[in-house]
C-alpha atoms as a PDB file:
ATOM      1  CA  UNK A   1     -20.550   5.244 -10.095  1.00  0.00           C
ATOM      2  CA  UNK A   2     -20.767   3.424 -13.408  1.00  0.00           C
ATOM      3  CA  UNK A   3     -18.967   0.073 -13.499  1.00  0.00           C
ATOM      4  CA  UNK A   4     -17.819  -1.560 -16.699  1.00  0.00           C
ATOM      5  CA  UNK A   5     -19.306  -5.018 -17.090  1.00  0.00           C
ATOM      6  CA  UNK A   6     -16.800  -7.545 -15.759  1.00  0.00           C
ATOM      7  CA  UNK A   7     -17.509 -11.273 -15.764  1.00  0.00           C
ATOM      8  CA  UNK A   8     -15.631 -14.339 -14.667  1.00  0.00           C
ATOM      9  CA  UNK A   9     -13.563 -12.863 -11.843  1.00  0.00           C
ATOM     10  CA  UNK A  10     -12.223 -15.649  -9.637  1.00  0.00           C
ATOM     11  CA  UNK A  11     -12.421 -15.066  -5.857  1.00  0.00           C
ATOM     12  CA  UNK A  12     -11.092 -11.526  -6.225  1.00  0.00           C
ATOM     13  CA  UNK A  13      -9.042  -9.908  -3.478  1.00  0.00           C
ATOM     14  CA  UNK A  14      -9.111  -6.112  -3.226  1.00  0.00           C
ATOM     15  CA  UNK A  15      -5.975  -4.015  -2.623  1.00  0.00           C
ATOM     16  CA  UNK A  16      -6.569  -0.340  -1.820  1.00  0.00           C
ATOM     17  CA  UNK A  17      -4.401   2.699  -1.078  1.00  0.00           C
ATOM     18  CA  UNK A  18      -5.129   6.434  -0.942  1.00  0.00           C
ATOM     19  CA  UNK A  19      -3.029   9.568  -1.228  1.00  0.00           C
ATOM     20  CA  UNK A  20      -2.995  11.912   1.742  1.00  0.00           C
ATOM     21  CA  UNK A  21      -2.922  11.344   5.480  1.00  0.00           C
ATOM     22  CA  UNK A  22      -2.615   7.547   5.054  1.00  0.00           C
ATOM     23  CA  UNK A  23       0.316   7.670   2.626  1.00  0.00           C
ATOM     24  CA  UNK A  24       3.635   8.875   4.087  1.00  0.00           C
ATOM     25  CA  UNK A  25       6.177   9.457   1.305  1.00  0.00           C
ATOM     26  CA  UNK A  26       3.560   8.059  -1.116  1.00  0.00           C
ATOM     27  CA  UNK A  27       4.756   4.577  -0.130  1.00  0.00           C
ATOM     28  CA  UNK A  28       1.345   2.877  -0.109  1.00  0.00           C
ATOM     29  CA  UNK A  29      -0.048   4.303  -3.352  1.00  0.00           C
ATOM     30  CA  UNK A  30       3.277   3.425  -4.994  1.00  0.00           C
ATOM     31  CA  UNK A  31       2.492  -0.236  -4.275  1.00  0.00           C
ATOM     32  CA  UNK A  32      -0.820  -0.070  -6.137  1.00  0.00           C
ATOM     33  CA  UNK A  33       0.792   1.908  -8.979  1.00  0.00           C
ATOM     34  CA  UNK A  34       3.434  -0.809  -9.266  1.00  0.00           C
ATOM     35  CA  UNK A  35       0.893  -3.645  -9.242  1.00  0.00           C
ATOM     36  CA  UNK A  36      -1.216  -1.900 -11.883  1.00  0.00           C
ATOM     37  CA  UNK A  37       1.840  -1.865 -14.160  1.00  0.00           C
ATOM     38  CA  UNK A  38       3.263  -5.349 -13.593  1.00  0.00           C
ATOM     39  CA  UNK A  39      -0.161  -7.042 -13.590  1.00  0.00           C
ATOM     40  CA  UNK A  40      -1.497  -5.079 -16.601  1.00  0.00           C
ATOM     41  CA  UNK A  41      -4.669  -3.959 -14.874  1.00  0.00           C
ATOM     42  CA  UNK A  42      -7.513  -2.172 -16.638  1.00  0.00           C
ATOM     43  CA  UNK A  43      -9.736   0.509 -15.134  1.00  0.00           C
ATOM     44  CA  UNK A  44     -13.378  -0.535 -14.814  1.00  0.00           C
ATOM     45  CA  UNK A  45     -14.800   2.256 -12.645  1.00  0.00           C
ATOM     46  CA  UNK A  46     -14.068   5.760 -11.349  1.00  0.00           C
ATOM     47  CA  UNK A  47     -15.791   7.724  -8.608  1.00  0.00           C
ATOM     48  CA  UNK A  48     -17.318  11.040  -9.666  1.00  0.00           C
ATOM     49  CA  UNK A  49     -15.047  13.512  -7.839  1.00  0.00           C
ATOM     50  CA  UNK A  50     -17.612  16.329  -7.700  1.00  0.00           C
ATOM     51  CA  UNK A  51     -19.193  14.951  -4.522  1.00  0.00           C
ATOM     52  CA  UNK A  52     -16.060  14.250  -2.520  1.00  0.00           C
ATOM     53  CA  UNK A  53     -13.149  16.557  -3.347  1.00  0.00           C
ATOM     54  CA  UNK A  54     -12.370  20.203  -2.683  1.00  0.00           C
ATOM     55  CA  UNK A  55     -10.729  21.203  -5.950  1.00  0.00           C
ATOM     56  CA  UNK A  56      -8.856  24.046  -4.234  1.00  0.00           C
ATOM     57  CA  UNK A  57      -7.107  21.374  -2.157  1.00  0.00           C
ATOM     58  CA  UNK A  58      -6.861  18.649  -4.811  1.00  0.00           C
ATOM     59  CA  UNK A  59      -6.732  20.631  -8.022  1.00  0.00           C
ATOM     60  CA  UNK A  60      -7.336  19.217 -11.498  1.00  0.00           C
ATOM     61  CA  UNK A  61      -4.236  19.039 -13.669  1.00  0.00           C
ATOM     62  CA  UNK A  62      -3.628  19.968 -17.290  1.00  0.00           C
ATOM     63  CA  UNK A  63      -1.388  17.904 -19.536  1.00  0.00           C
ATOM     64  CA  UNK A  64      -0.799  16.875 -23.138  1.00  0.00           C
ATOM     65  CA  UNK A  65      -2.342  13.642 -24.430  1.00  0.00           C
ATOM     66  CA  UNK A  66      -0.797  11.195 -26.921  1.00  0.00           C
ATOM     67  CA  UNK A  67      -2.243  13.209 -29.813  1.00  0.00           C
ATOM     68  CA  UNK A  68      -0.712  16.481 -28.673  1.00  0.00           C
ATOM     69  CA  UNK A  69      -3.955  17.998 -27.369  1.00  0.00           C
ATOM     70  CA  UNK A  70      -4.330  19.576 -23.942  1.00  0.00           C
ATOM     71  CA  UNK A  71      -6.168  17.307 -21.516  1.00  0.00           C
ATOM     72  CA  UNK A  72      -7.774  18.112 -18.157  1.00  0.00           C
ATOM     73  CA  UNK A  73      -7.600  15.400 -15.503  1.00  0.00           C
ATOM     74  CA  UNK A  74      -9.769  15.573 -12.390  1.00  0.00           C
ATOM     75  CA  UNK A  75      -8.656  14.075  -9.071  1.00  0.00           C
ATOM     76  CA  UNK A  76     -10.572  10.876  -8.414  1.00  0.00           C
ATOM     77  CA  UNK A  77     -10.481   7.295  -7.174  1.00  0.00           C
ATOM     78  CA  UNK A  78     -10.188   4.541  -9.776  1.00  0.00           C
ATOM     79  CA  UNK A  79     -10.995   0.838  -9.612  1.00  0.00           C
ATOM     80  CA  UNK A  80      -9.167  -1.590 -11.889  1.00  0.00           C
ATOM     81  CA  UNK A  81      -9.004  -5.375 -12.263  1.00  0.00           C
ATOM     82  CA  UNK A  82      -6.071  -7.682 -12.974  1.00  0.00           C
ATOM     83  CA  UNK A  83      -5.384 -11.386 -13.382  1.00  0.00           C
ATOM     84  CA  UNK A  84      -1.854 -12.081 -12.053  1.00  0.00           C
ATOM     85  CA  UNK A  85      -0.406 -15.081 -13.944  1.00  0.00           C
ATOM     86  CA  UNK A  86       0.870 -16.912 -10.855  1.00  0.00           C
ATOM     87  CA  UNK A  87      -2.137 -16.267  -8.618  1.00  0.00           C
ATOM     88  CA  UNK A  88      -5.173 -18.543  -8.499  1.00  0.00           C
ATOM     89  CA  UNK A  89      -7.503 -15.602  -7.990  1.00  0.00           C
ATOM     90  CA  UNK A  90      -8.117 -12.207  -9.549  1.00  0.00           C
ATOM     91  CA  UNK A  91      -7.272  -8.837  -8.028  1.00  0.00           C
ATOM     92  CA  UNK A  92      -9.229  -5.589  -7.755  1.00  0.00           C
ATOM     93  CA  UNK A  93      -6.998  -2.538  -7.322  1.00  0.00           C
ATOM     94  CA  UNK A  94      -8.325   0.696  -5.800  1.00  0.00           C
ATOM     95  CA  UNK A  95      -6.074   3.707  -6.145  1.00  0.00           C
ATOM     96  CA  UNK A  96      -7.375   7.081  -5.066  1.00  0.00           C
ATOM     97  CA  UNK A  97      -7.165  10.230  -3.015  1.00  0.00           C
ATOM     98  CA  UNK A  98      -8.502  10.611   0.498  1.00  0.00           C
ATOM     99  CA  UNK A  99     -11.778  12.556   0.079  1.00  0.00           C
ATOM    100  CA  UNK A 100     -12.302  16.002   1.568  1.00  0.00           C
ATOM    101  CA  UNK A 101     -15.983  15.454   2.407  1.00  0.00           C
ATOM    102  CA  UNK A 102     -18.812  12.893   2.652  1.00  0.00           C
ATOM    103  CA  UNK A 103     -16.575  10.055   3.827  1.00  0.00           C
ATOM    104  CA  UNK A 104     -19.437   7.706   4.697  1.00  0.00           C
ATOM    105  CA  UNK A 105     -21.035   8.123   1.298  1.00  0.00           C
ATOM    106  CA  UNK A 106     -17.621   7.644  -0.323  1.00  0.00           C
ATOM    107  CA  UNK A 107     -16.978   4.365   1.503  1.00  0.00           C
ATOM    108  CA  UNK A 108     -20.531   3.170   0.759  1.00  0.00           C
ATOM    109  CA  UNK A 109     -19.804   3.668  -2.953  1.00  0.00           C
ATOM    110  CA  UNK A 110     -16.563   1.706  -2.721  1.00  0.00           C
ATOM    111  CA  UNK A 111     -18.190  -1.122  -0.766  1.00  0.00           C
ATOM    112  CA  UNK A 112     -20.946  -1.281  -3.395  1.00  0.00           C
ATOM    113  CA  UNK A 113     -18.338  -1.618  -6.174  1.00  0.00           C
ATOM    114  CA  UNK A 114     -16.414  -4.274  -4.235  1.00  0.00           C
ATOM    115  CA  UNK A 115     -19.584  -6.282  -3.665  1.00  0.00           C
ATOM    116  CA  UNK A 116     -20.689  -5.947  -7.302  1.00  0.00           C
ATOM    117  CA  UNK A 117     -17.302  -7.245  -8.482  1.00  0.00           C
ATOM    118  CA  UNK A 118     -17.434 -10.097  -5.962  1.00  0.00           C
ATOM    119  CA  UNK A 119     -14.522  -9.040  -3.751  1.00  0.00           C
ATOM    120  CA  UNK A 120     -13.905 -11.595  -0.993  1.00  0.00           C
ATOM    121  CA  UNK A 121     -11.123  -9.889   0.951  1.00  0.00           C
ATOM    122  CA  UNK A 122      -9.994  -6.261   1.281  1.00  0.00           C
ATOM    123  CA  UNK A 123      -6.337  -5.409   1.887  1.00  0.00           C
ATOM    124  CA  UNK A 124      -5.728  -1.757   2.722  1.00  0.00           C
ATOM    125  CA  UNK A 125      -2.243  -0.281   2.614  1.00  0.00           C
ATOM    126  CA  UNK A 126      -0.957   2.702   4.542  1.00  0.00           C
ATOM    127  CA  UNK A 127       2.263   4.390   5.584  1.00  0.00           C
ATOM    128  CA  UNK A 128       3.044   6.597   8.563  1.00  0.00           C
ATOM    129  CA  UNK A 129       6.021   8.634   9.730  1.00  0.00           C
ATOM    130  CA  UNK A 130       7.991   6.940  12.477  1.00  0.00           C
ATOM    131  CA  UNK A 131      11.251   7.133  14.413  1.00  0.00           C
ATOM    132  CA  UNK A 132      12.670   4.132  12.548  1.00  0.00           C
ATOM    133  CA  UNK A 133      16.217   4.351  11.108  1.00  0.00           C
ATOM    134  CA  UNK A 134      16.570   4.224   7.332  1.00  0.00           C
ATOM    135  CA  UNK A 135      19.475   1.755   7.638  1.00  0.00           C
ATOM    136  CA  UNK A 136      17.305  -1.024   9.047  1.00  0.00           C
ATOM    137  CA  UNK A 137      14.392  -2.979   7.539  1.00  0.00           C
ATOM    138  CA  UNK A 138      11.252  -0.853   7.298  1.00  0.00           C
ATOM    139  CA  UNK A 139       8.811  -2.108   9.973  1.00  0.00           C
ATOM    140  CA  UNK A 140       5.385  -3.139   8.695  1.00  0.00           C
ATOM    141  CA  UNK A 141       2.532  -3.617  11.157  1.00  0.00           C
ATOM    142  CA  UNK A 142      -0.593  -5.538  10.282  1.00  0.00           C
ATOM    143  CA  UNK A 143      -4.077  -6.023  11.647  1.00  0.00           C
ATOM    144  CA  UNK A 144      -7.291  -7.679  10.580  1.00  0.00           C
ATOM    145  CA  UNK A 145     -11.000  -7.652  11.290  1.00  0.00           C
ATOM    146  CA  UNK A 146     -11.032 -11.484  11.420  1.00  0.00           C
ATOM    147  CA  UNK A 147      -9.549 -13.618  14.205  1.00  0.00           C
ATOM    148  CA  UNK A 148      -8.689 -16.497  11.857  1.00  0.00           C
ATOM    149  CA  UNK A 149      -6.861 -14.150   9.483  1.00  0.00           C
ATOM    150  CA  UNK A 150      -4.880 -12.665  12.361  1.00  0.00           C
ATOM    151  CA  UNK A 151      -3.764 -16.159  13.370  1.00  0.00           C
ATOM    152  CA  UNK A 152      -3.038 -17.302   9.803  1.00  0.00           C
ATOM    153  CA  UNK A 153      -1.015 -14.197   8.921  1.00  0.00           C
ATOM    154  CA  UNK A 154       0.536 -13.788  12.371  1.00  0.00           C
ATOM    155  CA  UNK A 155      -1.035 -10.364  12.871  1.00  0.00           C
ATOM    156  CA  UNK A 156      -1.891  -8.521  16.052  1.00  0.00           C
ATOM    157  CA  UNK A 157      -5.095  -6.762  16.982  1.00  0.00           C
ATOM    158  CA  UNK A 158      -4.546  -3.039  16.563  1.00  0.00           C
ATOM    159  CA  UNK A 159      -4.496  -1.102  19.838  1.00  0.00           C
ATOM    160  CA  UNK A 160      -4.292   2.325  18.183  1.00  0.00           C
ATOM    161  CA  UNK A 161      -6.650   4.985  19.488  1.00  0.00           C
ATOM    162  CA  UNK A 162      -6.884   8.418  17.905  1.00  0.00           C
ATOM    163  CA  UNK A 163      -7.592  10.161  14.597  1.00  0.00           C
ATOM    164  CA  UNK A 164      -7.958   7.937  11.566  1.00  0.00           C
ATOM    165  CA  UNK A 165      -7.975   8.343   7.800  1.00  0.00           C
ATOM    166  CA  UNK A 166     -10.077   6.960   4.984  1.00  0.00           C
ATOM    167  CA  UNK A 167      -8.261   3.622   5.286  1.00  0.00           C
ATOM    168  CA  UNK A 168      -9.581   3.193   8.828  1.00  0.00           C
ATOM    169  CA  UNK A 169     -13.073   4.287   7.805  1.00  0.00           C
ATOM    170  CA  UNK A 170     -13.099   1.809   4.904  1.00  0.00           C
ATOM    171  CA  UNK A 171     -11.937  -1.020   7.140  1.00  0.00           C
ATOM    172  CA  UNK A 172     -14.707  -0.201   9.628  1.00  0.00           C
ATOM    173  CA  UNK A 173     -17.241  -0.280   6.775  1.00  0.00           C
ATOM    174  CA  UNK A 174     -16.003  -3.768   5.857  1.00  0.00           C
ATOM    175  CA  UNK A 175     -16.693  -5.050   9.360  1.00  0.00           C
ATOM    176  CA  UNK A 176     -20.275  -3.786   9.085  1.00  0.00           C
ATOM    177  CA  UNK A 177     -20.928  -5.771   5.880  1.00  0.00           C
ATOM    178  CA  UNK A 178     -18.985  -8.876   6.988  1.00  0.00           C
ATOM    179  CA  UNK A 179     -16.241  -8.392   4.396  1.00  0.00           C
ATOM    180  CA  UNK A 180     -12.924  -9.709   5.783  1.00  0.00           C
ATOM    181  CA  UNK A 181     -10.230  -7.018   5.813  1.00  0.00           C
ATOM    182  CA  UNK A 182      -6.495  -6.866   6.411  1.00  0.00           C
ATOM    183  CA  UNK A 183      -4.473  -3.671   6.858  1.00  0.00           C
ATOM    184  CA  UNK A 184      -0.707  -3.246   6.468  1.00  0.00           C
ATOM    185  CA  UNK A 185       1.166  -0.089   7.507  1.00  0.00           C
ATOM    186  CA  UNK A 186       4.799   0.745   6.765  1.00  0.00           C
ATOM    187  CA  UNK A 187       6.779   2.949   9.165  1.00  0.00           C
ATOM    188  CA  UNK A 188       8.677   5.539   7.092  1.00  0.00           C
ATOM    189  CA  UNK A 189      11.649   7.329   8.749  1.00  0.00           C
ATOM    190  CA  UNK A 190      10.290  10.768   9.602  1.00  0.00           C
ATOM    191  CA  UNK A 191      13.529  12.604   8.824  1.00  0.00           C
ATOM    192  CA  UNK A 192      13.256  11.574   5.149  1.00  0.00           C
ATOM    193  CA  UNK A 193       9.534  12.054   4.691  1.00  0.00           C
ATOM    194  CA  UNK A 194       9.640  13.432   1.159  1.00  0.00           C
ATOM    195  CA  UNK A 195       8.495  10.997  -1.553  1.00  0.00           C
ATOM    196  CA  UNK A 196       9.336   8.545  -2.869  1.00  0.00           C
ATOM    197  CA  UNK A 197      10.424   5.916  -0.351  1.00  0.00           C
ATOM    198  CA  UNK A 198      10.976   2.759  -2.443  1.00  0.00           C
ATOM    199  CA  UNK A 199      12.286   0.877   0.588  1.00  0.00           C
ATOM    200  CA  UNK A 200       8.895   1.234   2.321  1.00  0.00           C
ATOM    201  CA  UNK A 201       7.089   0.298  -0.892  1.00  0.00           C
ATOM    202  CA  UNK A 202       9.189  -2.881  -1.096  1.00  0.00           C
ATOM    203  CA  UNK A 203       8.383  -3.698   2.540  1.00  0.00           C
ATOM    204  CA  UNK A 204       4.643  -3.512   1.830  1.00  0.00           C
ATOM    205  CA  UNK A 205       5.045  -5.607  -1.324  1.00  0.00           C
ATOM    206  CA  UNK A 206       6.817  -8.257   0.754  1.00  0.00           C
ATOM    207  CA  UNK A 207       3.786  -8.508   3.017  1.00  0.00           C
ATOM    208  CA  UNK A 208       1.546  -8.954  -0.025  1.00  0.00           C
ATOM    209  CA  UNK A 209       3.853 -11.736  -1.234  1.00  0.00           C
ATOM    210  CA  UNK A 210       3.416 -13.445   2.132  1.00  0.00           C
ATOM    211  CA  UNK A 211      -0.349 -13.053   1.849  1.00  0.00           C
ATOM    212  CA  UNK A 212      -0.584 -14.377  -1.723  1.00  0.00           C
ATOM    213  CA  UNK A 213       2.258 -16.900  -1.342  1.00  0.00           C
ATOM    214  CA  UNK A 214       3.625 -15.938  -4.773  1.00  0.00           C
ATOM    215  CA  UNK A 215       6.506 -13.678  -5.855  1.00  0.00           C
ATOM    216  CA  UNK A 216       5.505 -10.278  -7.212  1.00  0.00           C
ATOM    217  CA  UNK A 217       7.627  -8.880 -10.069  1.00  0.00           C
ATOM    218  CA  UNK A 218       9.690  -6.089  -8.502  1.00  0.00           C
ATOM    219  CA  UNK A 219      11.313  -4.518 -11.555  1.00  0.00           C
ATOM    220  CA  UNK A 220      13.735  -1.737 -10.587  1.00  0.00           C
ATOM    221  CA  UNK A 221      12.379  -1.298  -7.047  1.00  0.00           C
ATOM    222  CA  UNK A 222      15.225  -3.159  -5.258  1.00  0.00           C
ATOM    223  CA  UNK A 223      17.879  -1.014  -6.952  1.00  0.00           C
ATOM    224  CA  UNK A 224      15.838   2.137  -6.338  1.00  0.00           C
ATOM    225  CA  UNK A 225      15.595   1.207  -2.645  1.00  0.00           C
ATOM    226  CA  UNK A 226      19.364   0.732  -2.433  1.00  0.00           C
ATOM    227  CA  UNK A 227      19.956   4.048  -4.190  1.00  0.00           C
ATOM    228  CA  UNK A 228      17.505   5.749  -1.803  1.00  0.00           C
ATOM    229  CA  UNK A 229      19.352   4.365   1.224  1.00  0.00           C
ATOM    230  CA  UNK A 230      22.733   5.437  -0.181  1.00  0.00           C
ATOM    231  CA  UNK A 231      21.348   8.930  -0.787  1.00  0.00           C
ATOM    232  CA  UNK A 232      20.110   9.228   2.805  1.00  0.00           C
ATOM    233  CA  UNK A 233      23.494   7.930   4.037  1.00  0.00           C
ATOM    234  CA  UNK A 234      25.199  10.763   2.156  1.00  0.00           C
ATOM    235  CA  UNK A 235      22.836  13.345   3.628  1.00  0.00           C
ATOM    236  CA  UNK A 236      23.498  12.028   7.138  1.00  0.00           C
ATOM    237  CA  UNK A 237      27.270  12.168   6.583  1.00  0.00           C
ATOM    238  CA  UNK A 238      26.990  15.857   5.726  1.00  0.00           C
ATOM    239  CA  UNK A 239      25.137  16.731   8.948  1.00  0.00           C
ATOM    240  CA  UNK A 240      26.629  15.580  12.236  1.00  0.00           C
ATOM    241  CA  UNK A 241      23.390  16.122  14.171  1.00  0.00           C
ATOM    242  CA  UNK A 242      21.447  13.893  11.769  1.00  0.00           C
ATOM    243  CA  UNK A 243      24.216  11.276  11.855  1.00  0.00           C
ATOM    244  CA  UNK A 244      24.109  11.203  15.675  1.00  0.00           C
ATOM    245  CA  UNK A 245      20.315  10.951  15.617  1.00  0.00           C
ATOM    246  CA  UNK A 246      20.402   8.041  13.153  1.00  0.00           C
ATOM    247  CA  UNK A 247      22.928   6.208  15.331  1.00  0.00           C
ATOM    248  CA  UNK A 248      20.677   6.626  18.365  1.00  0.00           C
ATOM    249  CA  UNK A 249      17.748   5.220  16.398  1.00  0.00           C
ATOM    250  CA  UNK A 250      19.874   2.280  15.257  1.00  0.00           C
ATOM    251  CA  UNK A 251      20.902   1.509  18.853  1.00  0.00           C
ATOM    252  CA  UNK A 252      17.291   1.635  20.049  1.00  0.00           C
ATOM    253  CA  UNK A 253      16.161  -0.523  17.181  1.00  0.00           C
ATOM    254  CA  UNK A 254      18.937  -3.100  17.561  1.00  0.00           C
ATOM    255  CA  UNK A 255      18.287  -3.580  21.280  1.00  0.00           C
ATOM    256  CA  UNK A 256      14.570  -4.084  20.732  1.00  0.00           C
ATOM    257  CA  UNK A 257      12.983  -7.466  20.156  1.00  0.00           C
ATOM    258  CA  UNK A 258      12.502  -7.060  16.386  1.00  0.00           C
ATOM    259  CA  UNK A 259      10.072  -9.233  14.441  1.00  0.00           C
ATOM    260  CA  UNK A 260      12.416  -8.821  11.433  1.00  0.00           C
ATOM    261  CA  UNK A 261      15.112 -10.719  13.364  1.00  0.00           C
ATOM    262  CA  UNK A 262      12.876 -13.616  14.405  1.00  0.00           C
ATOM    263  CA  UNK A 263      13.302 -17.141  13.093  1.00  0.00           C
ATOM    264  CA  UNK A 264       9.914 -17.006  11.379  1.00  0.00           C
ATOM    265  CA  UNK A 265      10.786 -13.790   9.535  1.00  0.00           C
ATOM    266  CA  UNK A 266      14.105 -15.234   8.360  1.00  0.00           C
ATOM    267  CA  UNK A 267      12.339 -18.384   7.170  1.00  0.00           C
ATOM    268  CA  UNK A 268       9.781 -16.311   5.221  1.00  0.00           C
ATOM    269  CA  UNK A 269      12.578 -14.342   3.557  1.00  0.00           C
ATOM    270  CA  UNK A 270      14.358 -17.561   2.575  1.00  0.00           C
ATOM    271  CA  UNK A 271      11.138 -19.022   1.144  1.00  0.00           C
ATOM    272  CA  UNK A 272      10.626 -15.813  -0.851  1.00  0.00           C
ATOM    273  CA  UNK A 273      14.171 -16.132  -2.230  1.00  0.00           C
ATOM    274  CA  UNK A 274      13.571 -19.751  -3.295  1.00  0.00           C
ATOM    275  CA  UNK A 275      10.327 -18.814  -5.063  1.00  0.00           C
ATOM    276  CA  UNK A 276      12.064 -16.053  -7.007  1.00  0.00           C
ATOM    277  CA  UNK A 277      14.892 -18.412  -7.968  1.00  0.00           C
ATOM    278  CA  UNK A 278      12.396 -21.041  -9.176  1.00  0.00           C
ATOM    279  CA  UNK A 279      10.558 -18.389 -11.182  1.00  0.00           C
ATOM    280  CA  UNK A 280      13.795 -17.333 -12.939  1.00  0.00           C
ATOM    281  CA  UNK A 281      14.702 -20.979 -13.659  1.00  0.00           C
END
């Protein structure tokens, strides 16, 4: 992989998300897409897709460029850099597609790029289908490879056992090269699995705000999330079985000991509100 010469990055943190198995309703990659826009990132590297993708599964696409000519775009994984105005460090954004082959070689390439750009922390984002109701806050679970990060961010050690995706493989590679890593996963309601799910994207962005301790420009995402929830409400009203199922999920969720209802979570939400108000002032 060829990397554009980049100098002067300040303690960069890496945020990565991949289409595919790790990305229910495209909620995780939507976060990186959003950050690339609001932080004006620029692409500095792209993985050669020939080694890693089955083009009958992830086909190239044809479109029209700004000059009116037909343009062929190959599926790949891109690395970009950004300098958020309110953050005292730079950001490296990795946005790609889960590879079809040679996963270890793929992760070795990404780790090499991260090390060359001086990345000090990797944050991977994922989304999975869950039995969570769309009318309640989207649950986001977090884990880390570092004990001190787990304590600082109030995370729990993951107890998951079973198949994993490229996000899990990349996080394992970080532990082998002593690169601290954090992983956040949003639980998308399985009965509305089709993309997009702006409510899950917002939930992941909120966790990044907690991590960076700065507000992230949200643009139209809050309104899109409200419109998404209203749309699912209307679908549920038209189908009595779905409406009954949603009510049962709500009852189960409301009787559980929810982190979203804890004093600490409420305090974090209030702090986030104050930061946004100060930013507008």
